[in-house]
Amino acid sequence: MDIKLHRLESFAAQDIRGSYYTVYGYERLARVYTWLDAPAQWESTGVIEYKLANGEHLDVDEDGTFHGSVSGVELHRHH
């Protein structure tokens, strides 16, 4: 299955020291073939991913706290 990411949003997030980061939210799309010769269509998989501007994946807690999967940085959305 082919997958691509469609950017939904970008926003500033802040760590405990006050440093700001840019966070991007993406919707994961999957390619769907309705007919053999028809052009490919992309449909939502219902999965949202968050990444830092440098490409590092972010995990999100239920309370909305973001955690860097590699760096371990903890971020909160800046309002």
C-alpha atoms as a PDB file:
ATOM      1  CA  MET A   1       0.000   0.000   0.000  1.00  0.00           C
ATOM      2  CA  ASP A   2       1.336   3.404  -0.987  1.00  0.00           C
ATOM      3  CA  ILE A   3       1.231   6.050   1.733  1.00  0.00           C
ATOM      4  CA  LYS A   4       1.753   9.805   1.606  1.00  0.00           C
ATOM      5  CA  LEU A   5       1.395  12.601   4.125  1.00  0.00           C
ATOM      6  CA  HIS A   6      -0.834  15.629   3.615  1.00  0.00           C
ATOM      7  CA  ARG A   7       0.035  18.614   5.821  1.00  0.00           C
ATOM      8  CA  LEU A   8      -2.960  19.820   7.813  1.00  0.00           C
ATOM      9  CA  GLU A   9      -1.434  22.408  10.115  1.00  0.00           C
ATOM     10  CA  SER A  10       1.690  23.920  11.559  1.00  0.00           C
ATOM     11  CA  PHE A  11       2.051  25.608  14.925  1.00  0.00           C
ATOM     12  CA  ALA A  12       4.560  26.734  17.512  1.00  0.00           C
ATOM     13  CA  ALA A  13       5.307  24.568  20.525  1.00  0.00           C
ATOM     14  CA  GLN A  14       7.470  25.357  23.525  1.00  0.00           C
ATOM     15  CA  ASP A  15       9.687  23.213  25.733  1.00  0.00           C
ATOM     16  CA  ILE A  16      10.167  23.608  29.490  1.00  0.00           C
ATOM     17  CA  ARG A  17      13.153  25.958  28.977  1.00  0.00           C
ATOM     18  CA  GLY A  18      11.109  28.310  26.798  1.00  0.00           C
ATOM     19  CA  SER A  19      12.614  27.306  23.455  1.00  0.00           C
ATOM     20  CA  TYR A  20      10.218  27.331  20.524  1.00  0.00           C
ATOM     21  CA  TYR A  21       9.825  24.612  17.907  1.00  0.00           C
ATOM     22  CA  THR A  22       7.735  24.359  14.755  1.00  0.00           C
ATOM     23  CA  VAL A  23       5.419  21.348  14.728  1.00  0.00           C
ATOM     24  CA  TYR A  24       3.678  20.032  11.615  1.00  0.00           C
ATOM     25  CA  GLY A  25       0.511  17.925  11.685  1.00  0.00           C
ATOM     26  CA  TYR A  26      -0.045  15.504   8.824  1.00  0.00           C
ATOM     27  CA  GLU A  27      -2.897  13.262   7.744  1.00  0.00           C
ATOM     28  CA  ARG A  28      -1.749   9.880   6.454  1.00  0.00           C
ATOM     29  CA  LEU A  29      -3.288   9.036   3.069  1.00  0.00           C
ATOM     30  CA  ALA A  30      -3.325   5.682   1.279  1.00  0.00           C
ATOM     31  CA  ARG A  31      -3.513   5.142  -2.479  1.00  0.00           C
ATOM     32  CA  VAL A  32      -6.676   3.395  -3.605  1.00  0.00           C
ATOM     33  CA  TYR A  33      -7.147   1.885  -7.043  1.00  0.00           C
ATOM     34  CA  THR A  34     -10.810   1.800  -8.002  1.00  0.00           C
ATOM     35  CA  TRP A  35     -10.229   0.469 -11.524  1.00  0.00           C
ATOM     36  CA  LEU A  36      -7.195  -1.045 -13.155  1.00  0.00           C
ATOM     37  CA  ASP A  37      -6.788   1.836 -15.668  1.00  0.00           C
ATOM     38  CA  ALA A  38      -8.245   4.621 -13.517  1.00  0.00           C
ATOM     39  CA  PRO A  39      -5.986   7.263 -11.986  1.00  0.00           C
ATOM     40  CA  ALA A  40      -4.965   6.632  -8.421  1.00  0.00           C
ATOM     41  CA  GLN A  41      -7.035   8.157  -5.662  1.00  0.00           C
ATOM     42  CA  TRP A  42      -5.838   9.027  -2.181  1.00  0.00           C
ATOM     43  CA  GLU A  43      -8.034   8.399   0.853  1.00  0.00           C
ATOM     44  CA  SER A  44      -7.553   9.197   4.500  1.00  0.00           C
ATOM     45  CA  THR A  45      -6.470   6.365   6.776  1.00  0.00           C
ATOM     46  CA  GLY A  46      -7.696   8.276   9.832  1.00  0.00           C
ATOM     47  CA  VAL A  47      -4.144   8.515  11.211  1.00  0.00           C
ATOM     48  CA  ILE A  48      -2.654  11.891  12.154  1.00  0.00           C
ATOM     49  CA  GLU A  49       1.121  12.256  12.575  1.00  0.00           C
ATOM     50  CA  TYR A  50       3.100  15.096  14.114  1.00  0.00           C
ATOM     51  CA  LYS A  51       6.691  15.953  13.251  1.00  0.00           C
ATOM     52  CA  LEU A  52       9.195  18.631  14.113  1.00  0.00           C
ATOM     53  CA  ALA A  53      10.516  20.842  11.329  1.00  0.00           C
ATOM     54  CA  ASN A  54      13.669  18.651  11.255  1.00  0.00           C
ATOM     55  CA  GLY A  55      11.512  15.563  10.508  1.00  0.00           C
ATOM     56  CA  GLU A  56      11.641  13.973  13.977  1.00  0.00           C
ATOM     57  CA  HIS A  57       8.432  12.093  14.784  1.00  0.00           C
ATOM     58  CA  LEU A  58       6.431  13.310  17.793  1.00  0.00           C
ATOM     59  CA  ASP A  59       4.272  11.113  19.994  1.00  0.00           C
ATOM     60  CA  VAL A  60       1.247  12.787  21.600  1.00  0.00           C
ATOM     61  CA  ASP A  61      -0.137  12.093  25.081  1.00  0.00           C
ATOM     62  CA  GLU A  62      -3.845  12.275  25.856  1.00  0.00           C
ATOM     63  CA  ASP A  63      -3.274  15.659  27.537  1.00  0.00           C
ATOM     64  CA  GLY A  64      -1.763  17.070  24.313  1.00  0.00           C
ATOM     65  CA  THR A  65       1.893  16.928  25.369  1.00  0.00           C
ATOM     66  CA  PHE A  66       4.251  16.124  22.494  1.00  0.00           C
ATOM     67  CA  HIS A  67       7.350  13.950  22.979  1.00  0.00           C
ATOM     68  CA  GLY A  68      10.231  13.720  20.509  1.00  0.00           C
ATOM     69  CA  SER A  69      10.793  10.072  19.583  1.00  0.00           C
ATOM     70  CA  VAL A  70      14.571  10.547  19.262  1.00  0.00           C
ATOM     71  CA  SER A  71      15.480  13.638  21.264  1.00  0.00           C
ATOM     72  CA  GLY A  72      12.976  13.076  24.077  1.00  0.00           C
ATOM     73  CA  VAL A  73      12.066  16.765  24.032  1.00  0.00           C
ATOM     74  CA  GLU A  74       8.723  17.514  25.720  1.00  0.00           C
ATOM     75  CA  LEU A  75       6.622  20.206  24.048  1.00  0.00           C
ATOM     76  CA  HIS A  76       3.359  22.023  24.658  1.00  0.00           C
ATOM     77  CA  ARG A  77       1.381  23.834  21.995  1.00  0.00           C
ATOM     78  CA  HIS A  78       1.953  27.591  22.229  1.00  0.00           C
ATOM     79  CA  HIS A  79      -1.303  29.562  22.133  1.00  0.00           C
END
